[in-house]
Amino acid sequence: MTTTVKTSPVRRLWQRLPVVHQLRQSVGLQRGMLVAGLVLTGFFLILAIFAPVIAPYSYNQLRGPDGLFGAQNPPSAEHWFGTTVGGYDVLSRVVWGAQTALLVIIIAVVLSIFLGVLLGLVSGYLGGWLDRVLVVIADAIYAFPTLLLAIVAAIAISGGQSSLWGGVLAAAISITVVFIPQYFRVIRSETIRVKSEAFVESAMVIGASTPRVMFRHVFRNSTRTLPLIFTLNASEAILTLAGLGFLGFGIEPTAAAEWGYDLNKSISDVTSGIWWTSVFPGLAIVLVVMGITLIGESLNDLADPRLRARRRAGAGETPADAVAATQPAARIEVGEVE
């Protein structure tokens, strides 16, 4: 007698979520990297979302119940990470800086995905002279360094003395312009491949309109690599924002907390033996970039069926299971055809 175990729809939906699905696929060191990346990234997400609750003081607060904090005070019970040369609490600045970094990632990467996917879909599906022009423009944008473009954008938007939204938009706009060609190229190549599939040709034969075929059938099957690109670009967005602040084109301390700006102001402290003003902001940048990068590298390994097969074989699976993992997925999600 065979017993069939049925999985509830809610559980099936939960198991198909992007991160959960990859976590279930991973094994060994690969799973360790993914878990470590998720823990680090999740920790900084919690800091960013609950910064007003977690931070002991505001990012621009100079005075407590007992008077002024004082400048360059070492770590103590009152100030766990010490104070900066400007008299700010280092721990509060680090916590609030996570919120600023999250804003840049959301604005820059979301805009990049929206514009890059749209242009790649139109270019790959329609082709012709429009495709050639967009490819040339995308290649030309690669000639502009991200940080140099960010400096120009910061000066153009706010004269280099940025408010919170001025600094965030300066970094976000520069990152958006540079990241659009990456999403454009990936989606364009996938669109060219998908539009020759049988289900797309069937939709065209029965009279489906061009916008419907593009956005209902081609789009759904051309965006499966976006999570990987998103994670890699998110870490670069944080480094670009930190680079702006370090070079003096970031956000003013009275407008928001920003890790790169705090590193810039701590340069003279290092030679005087005052280590806490630079170590903690620098460590925050390293850890959040490391967490996002670990997630991206793990997703990259899981996207390669040959690497998945080697990982599973090393974890003790049978050769048949390892070989089966190298076979491409046969299921294609086909949109509804009217």
Protein backbone atom coordinates (compact mmCIF):
# COMPACT_ATOMS: atom_id res chain seq x y z
CA MET A 1 0.00 0.00 0.00
CA THR A 2 1.46 3.32 -1.07
CA THR A 3 0.80 6.46 0.94
CA THR A 4 0.87 9.79 -0.91
CA VAL A 5 1.84 12.82 1.14
CA LYS A 6 0.15 15.95 -0.12
CA THR A 7 1.74 19.34 0.37
CA SER A 8 -0.53 22.27 1.12
CA PRO A 9 -0.65 25.13 -1.43
CA VAL A 10 0.75 27.55 1.15
CA ARG A 11 3.75 25.29 1.80
CA ARG A 12 4.36 24.77 -1.92
CA LEU A 13 4.25 28.53 -2.46
CA TRP A 14 6.67 29.08 0.43
CA GLN A 15 9.11 26.52 -0.94
CA ARG A 16 9.10 28.21 -4.37
CA LEU A 17 10.10 31.62 -3.05
CA PRO A 18 13.44 32.67 -4.61
CA VAL A 19 15.70 32.59 -1.55
CA VAL A 20 13.94 29.61 0.08
CA HIS A 21 14.14 27.60 -3.15
CA GLN A 22 17.87 28.23 -3.53
CA LEU A 23 18.47 27.46 0.14
CA ARG A 24 16.80 24.07 -0.27
CA GLN A 25 18.95 23.34 -3.33
CA SER A 26 22.27 24.28 -1.71
CA VAL A 27 24.55 21.80 0.07
CA GLY A 28 27.83 21.84 1.98
CA LEU A 29 30.02 24.95 1.74
CA GLN A 30 27.63 26.50 -0.74
CA ARG A 31 24.81 26.39 1.82
CA GLY A 32 27.15 27.81 4.46
CA MET A 33 28.00 30.77 2.19
CA LEU A 34 24.34 31.42 1.44
CA VAL A 35 23.31 31.22 5.09
CA ALA A 36 26.18 33.50 6.16
CA GLY A 37 25.24 36.02 3.48
CA LEU A 38 21.56 35.93 4.48
CA VAL A 39 22.44 36.42 8.16
CA LEU A 40 24.73 39.40 7.49
CA THR A 41 22.32 41.02 5.04
CA GLY A 42 19.33 40.37 7.27
CA PHE A 43 21.15 41.92 10.25
CA PHE A 44 21.77 45.16 8.36
CA LEU A 45 18.21 45.18 7.04
CA ILE A 46 16.98 45.03 10.62
CA LEU A 47 19.34 47.88 11.55
CA ALA A 48 18.07 49.98 8.65
CA ILE A 49 14.37 49.37 9.26
CA PHE A 50 14.46 49.73 13.05
CA ALA A 51 17.19 52.38 13.28
CA PRO A 52 15.04 54.83 15.30
CA VAL A 53 14.50 52.09 17.91
CA ILE A 54 17.97 50.47 17.92
CA ALA A 55 20.19 53.58 17.80
CA PRO A 56 20.75 55.07 21.27
CA TYR A 57 20.88 58.60 19.85
CA SER A 58 19.98 60.45 16.68
CA TYR A 59 22.56 60.61 13.88
CA ASN A 60 23.13 64.36 14.45
CA GLN A 61 22.77 64.44 18.23
CA LEU A 62 25.62 66.11 20.13
CA ARG A 63 24.15 66.41 23.60
CA GLY A 64 22.77 63.95 26.14
CA PRO A 65 21.17 64.32 29.57
CA ASP A 66 24.59 65.06 31.09
CA GLY A 67 25.62 67.67 28.52
CA LEU A 68 27.75 67.45 25.39
CA PHE A 69 29.10 64.02 24.39
CA GLY A 70 32.61 65.31 23.79
CA ALA A 71 34.89 64.64 20.84
CA GLN A 72 36.95 61.49 20.27
CA ASN A 73 35.94 59.82 23.52
CA PRO A 74 36.96 56.12 23.64
CA PRO A 75 34.35 53.33 23.86
CA SER A 76 32.59 53.33 27.22
CA ALA A 77 29.36 52.24 28.90
CA GLU A 78 27.67 55.44 27.72
CA HIS A 79 29.06 55.31 24.17
CA TRP A 80 29.79 51.71 23.22
CA PHE A 81 31.69 52.64 20.03
CA GLY A 82 33.04 55.97 21.30
CA THR A 83 32.47 59.37 19.74
CA THR A 84 33.74 61.02 16.55
CA VAL A 85 35.89 64.10 16.08
CA GLY A 86 32.67 66.06 15.57
CA GLY A 87 31.20 64.81 18.84
CA TYR A 88 28.69 62.32 17.39
CA ASP A 89 28.01 58.88 18.85
CA VAL A 90 29.73 56.32 16.59
CA LEU A 91 27.25 53.51 17.27
CA SER A 92 24.29 55.72 16.36
CA ARG A 93 26.02 56.87 13.17
CA VAL A 94 26.72 53.26 12.15
CA VAL A 95 23.11 52.19 12.76
CA TRP A 96 21.57 55.17 10.94
CA GLY A 97 24.08 54.71 8.10
CA ALA A 98 22.48 51.34 7.32
CA GLN A 99 19.22 53.16 6.62
CA THR A 100 20.93 55.55 4.19
CA ALA A 101 22.58 52.64 2.36
CA LEU A 102 19.24 50.85 2.06
CA LEU A 103 17.62 53.93 0.52
CA VAL A 104 20.35 54.12 -2.15
CA ILE A 105 19.98 50.43 -2.99
CA ILE A 106 16.20 50.64 -3.28
CA ILE A 107 16.14 53.75 -5.47
CA ALA A 108 19.16 52.95 -7.67
CA VAL A 109 18.69 49.25 -8.26
CA VAL A 110 14.90 49.42 -8.69
CA LEU A 111 15.25 52.20 -11.27
CA SER A 112 18.01 50.25 -13.03
CA ILE A 113 15.92 47.10 -13.17
CA PHE A 114 12.83 48.91 -14.44
CA LEU A 115 14.59 50.82 -17.23
CA GLY A 116 17.07 48.09 -18.14
CA VAL A 117 14.44 45.35 -18.35
CA LEU A 118 12.06 47.53 -20.38
CA LEU A 119 14.74 48.57 -22.89
CA GLY A 120 16.15 45.05 -23.16
CA LEU A 121 12.71 43.57 -23.77
CA VAL A 122 11.81 46.10 -26.47
CA SER A 123 15.23 45.91 -28.13
CA GLY A 124 15.44 42.12 -28.17
CA TYR A 125 11.88 41.55 -29.36
CA LEU A 126 11.55 44.29 -32.00
CA GLY A 127 15.15 44.24 -33.29
CA GLY A 128 16.02 46.34 -36.33
CA TRP A 129 17.52 49.81 -36.16
CA LEU A 130 16.20 50.40 -32.63
CA ASP A 131 18.11 47.37 -31.37
CA ARG A 132 21.35 48.52 -33.00
CA VAL A 133 21.05 52.05 -31.57
CA LEU A 134 20.35 50.82 -28.04
CA VAL A 135 23.27 48.36 -28.16
CA VAL A 136 25.66 51.14 -29.23
CA ILE A 137 24.41 53.42 -26.42
CA ALA A 138 24.76 50.62 -23.86
CA ASP A 139 28.35 49.97 -24.97
CA ALA A 140 29.16 53.69 -24.75
CA ILE A 141 27.89 53.96 -21.17
CA TYR A 142 30.40 51.32 -20.09
CA ALA A 143 33.15 53.87 -20.78
CA PHE A 144 32.02 56.00 -17.82
CA PRO A 145 33.42 54.94 -14.40
CA THR A 146 30.69 54.65 -11.79
CA LEU A 147 32.40 56.78 -9.15
CA LEU A 148 33.35 59.56 -11.59
CA LEU A 149 29.79 59.74 -12.84
CA ALA A 150 28.57 59.80 -9.24
CA ILE A 151 30.79 62.80 -8.46
CA VAL A 152 29.48 64.69 -11.49
CA ALA A 153 25.90 63.87 -10.52
CA ALA A 154 26.49 64.99 -6.92
CA ILE A 155 27.87 68.34 -8.07
CA ALA A 156 25.08 68.84 -10.62
CA ILE A 157 22.29 67.98 -8.17
CA SER A 158 23.43 69.66 -4.98
CA GLY A 159 26.74 71.42 -5.60
CA GLY A 160 28.60 68.71 -3.73
CA GLN A 161 27.03 69.70 -0.38
CA SER A 162 24.29 67.13 -0.23
CA SER A 163 21.19 66.87 1.89
CA LEU A 164 19.82 63.41 2.58
CA TRP A 165 17.78 63.16 -0.61
CA GLY A 166 20.33 65.13 -2.63
CA GLY A 167 23.11 62.70 -1.74
CA VAL A 168 20.92 59.64 -2.15
CA LEU A 169 19.66 60.81 -5.55
CA ALA A 170 23.18 61.72 -6.70
CA ALA A 171 24.43 58.22 -5.96
CA ALA A 172 21.23 56.57 -7.19
CA ILE A 173 21.16 58.39 -10.53
CA SER A 174 24.79 57.62 -11.30
CA ILE A 175 24.35 53.98 -10.34
CA THR A 176 21.16 53.74 -12.37
CA VAL A 177 22.82 55.03 -15.53
CA VAL A 178 25.77 52.66 -15.19
CA PHE A 179 23.73 49.58 -14.21
CA ILE A 180 21.07 49.91 -16.94
CA PRO A 181 23.35 48.38 -19.65
CA GLN A 182 23.89 45.29 -17.48
CA TYR A 183 20.19 44.55 -17.16
CA PHE A 184 19.68 45.58 -20.79
CA ARG A 185 22.19 43.06 -22.12
CA VAL A 186 20.93 40.16 -20.01
CA ILE A 187 17.24 40.71 -20.81
CA ARG A 188 17.96 41.39 -24.49
CA SER A 189 19.82 38.10 -24.94
CA GLU A 190 17.10 36.17 -23.09
CA THR A 191 14.39 37.87 -25.12
CA ILE A 192 16.07 36.93 -28.40
CA ARG A 193 16.22 33.32 -27.23
CA VAL A 194 12.67 33.13 -25.86
CA LYS A 195 10.92 34.83 -28.80
CA SER A 196 11.89 31.92 -31.07
CA GLU A 197 10.16 29.38 -28.80
CA ALA A 198 7.09 27.53 -30.07
CA PHE A 199 4.65 29.02 -27.54
CA VAL A 200 5.57 32.58 -28.61
CA GLU A 201 5.07 31.73 -32.27
CA SER A 202 1.73 30.11 -31.41
CA ALA A 203 0.57 33.25 -29.65
CA MET A 204 1.51 35.33 -32.69
CA VAL A 205 -0.26 32.94 -35.07
CA ILE A 206 -3.58 33.16 -33.22
CA GLY A 207 -3.45 36.96 -33.40
CA ALA A 208 -2.12 38.08 -30.00
CA SER A 209 -0.97 41.71 -30.08
CA THR A 210 2.72 42.60 -29.91
CA PRO A 211 2.51 44.19 -26.41
CA ARG A 212 0.66 41.13 -25.12
CA VAL A 213 3.25 38.72 -26.50
CA MET A 214 6.11 40.82 -25.15
CA PHE A 215 4.83 41.40 -21.62
CA ARG A 216 2.70 38.28 -21.09
CA HIS A 217 4.81 35.54 -22.68
CA VAL A 218 8.37 36.75 -23.39
CA PHE A 219 8.80 38.87 -20.26
CA ARG A 220 7.82 36.08 -17.87
CA ASN A 221 10.49 33.76 -19.28
CA SER A 222 13.31 36.30 -19.64
CA THR A 223 13.78 37.60 -16.10
CA ARG A 224 14.98 34.56 -14.15
CA THR A 225 18.55 35.82 -13.67
CA LEU A 226 17.53 39.18 -12.17
CA PRO A 227 17.99 38.13 -8.51
CA LEU A 228 21.64 37.28 -9.19
CA ILE A 229 22.36 40.62 -10.91
CA PHE A 230 20.47 42.48 -8.19
CA THR A 231 22.66 41.12 -5.40
CA LEU A 232 25.91 41.90 -7.23
CA ASN A 233 24.81 45.44 -8.09
CA ALA A 234 23.50 46.16 -4.59
CA SER A 235 26.98 45.73 -3.11
CA GLU A 236 28.46 48.03 -5.76
CA ALA A 237 25.80 50.63 -4.96
CA ILE A 238 26.90 50.70 -1.31
CA LEU A 239 30.56 51.07 -2.30
CA THR A 240 29.71 53.92 -4.66
CA LEU A 241 27.84 55.79 -1.93
CA ALA A 242 30.73 55.23 0.49
CA GLY A 243 33.20 56.42 -2.14
CA LEU A 244 31.23 59.63 -2.62
CA GLY A 245 31.22 60.32 1.09
CA PHE A 246 34.91 59.51 1.49
CA LEU A 247 35.84 61.95 -1.29
CA GLY A 248 33.76 64.71 0.28
CA PHE A 249 30.78 64.61 -2.09
CA GLY A 250 28.47 62.68 0.19
CA ILE A 251 25.77 63.61 2.66
CA GLU A 252 26.33 66.23 5.35
CA PRO A 253 26.34 64.83 8.93
CA THR A 254 23.44 67.06 9.96
CA ALA A 255 21.27 65.63 7.16
CA ALA A 256 21.90 61.88 7.54
CA ALA A 257 24.48 59.34 8.65
CA GLU A 258 26.76 57.97 5.95
CA TRP A 259 29.66 55.56 6.47
CA GLY A 260 31.93 57.00 3.79
CA TYR A 261 31.72 60.51 5.27
CA ASP A 262 32.60 59.18 8.73
CA LEU A 263 35.65 57.41 7.28
CA ASN A 264 36.76 60.64 5.64
CA LYS A 265 36.60 62.53 8.94
CA SER A 266 38.52 59.78 10.75
CA ILE A 267 41.65 59.88 8.57
CA SER A 268 43.52 62.19 10.92
CA ASP A 269 42.40 60.13 13.93
CA VAL A 270 44.22 57.00 12.73
CA THR A 271 47.66 58.60 13.02
CA SER A 272 46.81 59.72 16.58
CA GLY A 273 45.91 56.24 17.76
CA ILE A 274 42.15 56.93 17.76
CA TRP A 275 40.97 53.75 16.07
CA TRP A 276 37.26 53.55 16.93
CA THR A 277 36.15 56.40 14.65
CA SER A 278 37.31 54.50 11.54
CA VAL A 279 37.11 50.81 12.47
CA PHE A 280 33.36 50.58 13.06
CA PRO A 281 32.12 52.46 9.93
CA GLY A 282 34.68 50.59 7.82
CA LEU A 283 33.67 47.27 9.35
CA ALA A 284 30.02 48.03 8.58
CA ILE A 285 30.83 48.59 4.89
CA VAL A 286 32.90 45.40 4.71
CA LEU A 287 30.30 43.21 6.40
CA VAL A 288 27.27 44.39 4.43
CA VAL A 289 29.12 44.13 1.10
CA MET A 290 30.43 40.70 2.11
CA GLY A 291 26.93 39.52 3.02
CA ILE A 292 25.40 40.64 -0.27
CA THR A 293 28.35 39.25 -2.25
CA LEU A 294 28.07 35.84 -0.56
CA ILE A 295 24.40 35.68 -1.54
CA GLY A 296 25.24 36.63 -5.12
CA GLU A 297 28.02 34.08 -5.44
CA SER A 298 25.82 31.34 -4.00
CA LEU A 299 23.01 32.18 -6.42
CA ASN A 300 25.54 32.13 -9.26
CA ASP A 301 26.67 28.63 -8.29
CA LEU A 302 23.09 27.41 -7.99
CA ALA A 303 22.26 28.84 -11.41
CA ASP A 304 24.97 26.66 -13.01
CA PRO A 305 23.71 23.05 -13.24
CA ARG A 306 27.28 21.67 -13.57
CA LEU A 307 28.32 23.26 -10.29
CA ARG A 308 25.14 21.96 -8.64
CA ALA A 309 26.01 18.44 -9.82
CA ARG A 310 29.54 18.60 -8.42
CA ARG A 311 28.30 19.97 -5.09
CA ARG A 312 25.68 17.23 -4.76
CA ALA A 313 28.12 14.52 -5.76
CA GLY A 314 30.54 15.77 -3.13
CA ALA A 315 27.74 15.73 -0.55
CA GLY A 316 27.18 11.99 -1.13
CA GLU A 317 24.38 11.86 -3.68
CA THR A 318 24.28 9.04 -6.19
CA PRO A 319 25.86 9.59 -9.62
CA ALA A 320 22.41 9.36 -11.21
CA ASP A 321 21.18 12.26 -9.08
CA ALA A 322 24.28 14.29 -9.91
CA VAL A 323 23.86 13.68 -13.63
CA ALA A 324 20.17 14.53 -13.46
CA ALA A 325 21.06 17.88 -11.91
CA THR A 326 23.03 18.80 -15.04
CA GLN A 327 20.02 18.40 -17.28
CA PRO A 328 18.27 21.68 -18.13
CA ALA A 329 14.80 22.21 -16.78
CA ALA A 330 12.18 21.06 -19.25
CA ARG A 331 9.32 23.07 -17.77
CA ILE A 332 8.61 26.40 -19.41
CA GLU A 333 6.11 28.76 -17.88
CA VAL A 334 3.74 29.65 -20.67
CA GLY A 335 1.39 32.56 -20.35
CA GLU A 336 -2.27 32.28 -21.07
CA VAL A 337 -3.11 32.60 -24.74
CA GLU A 338 -6.39 34.12 -25.73
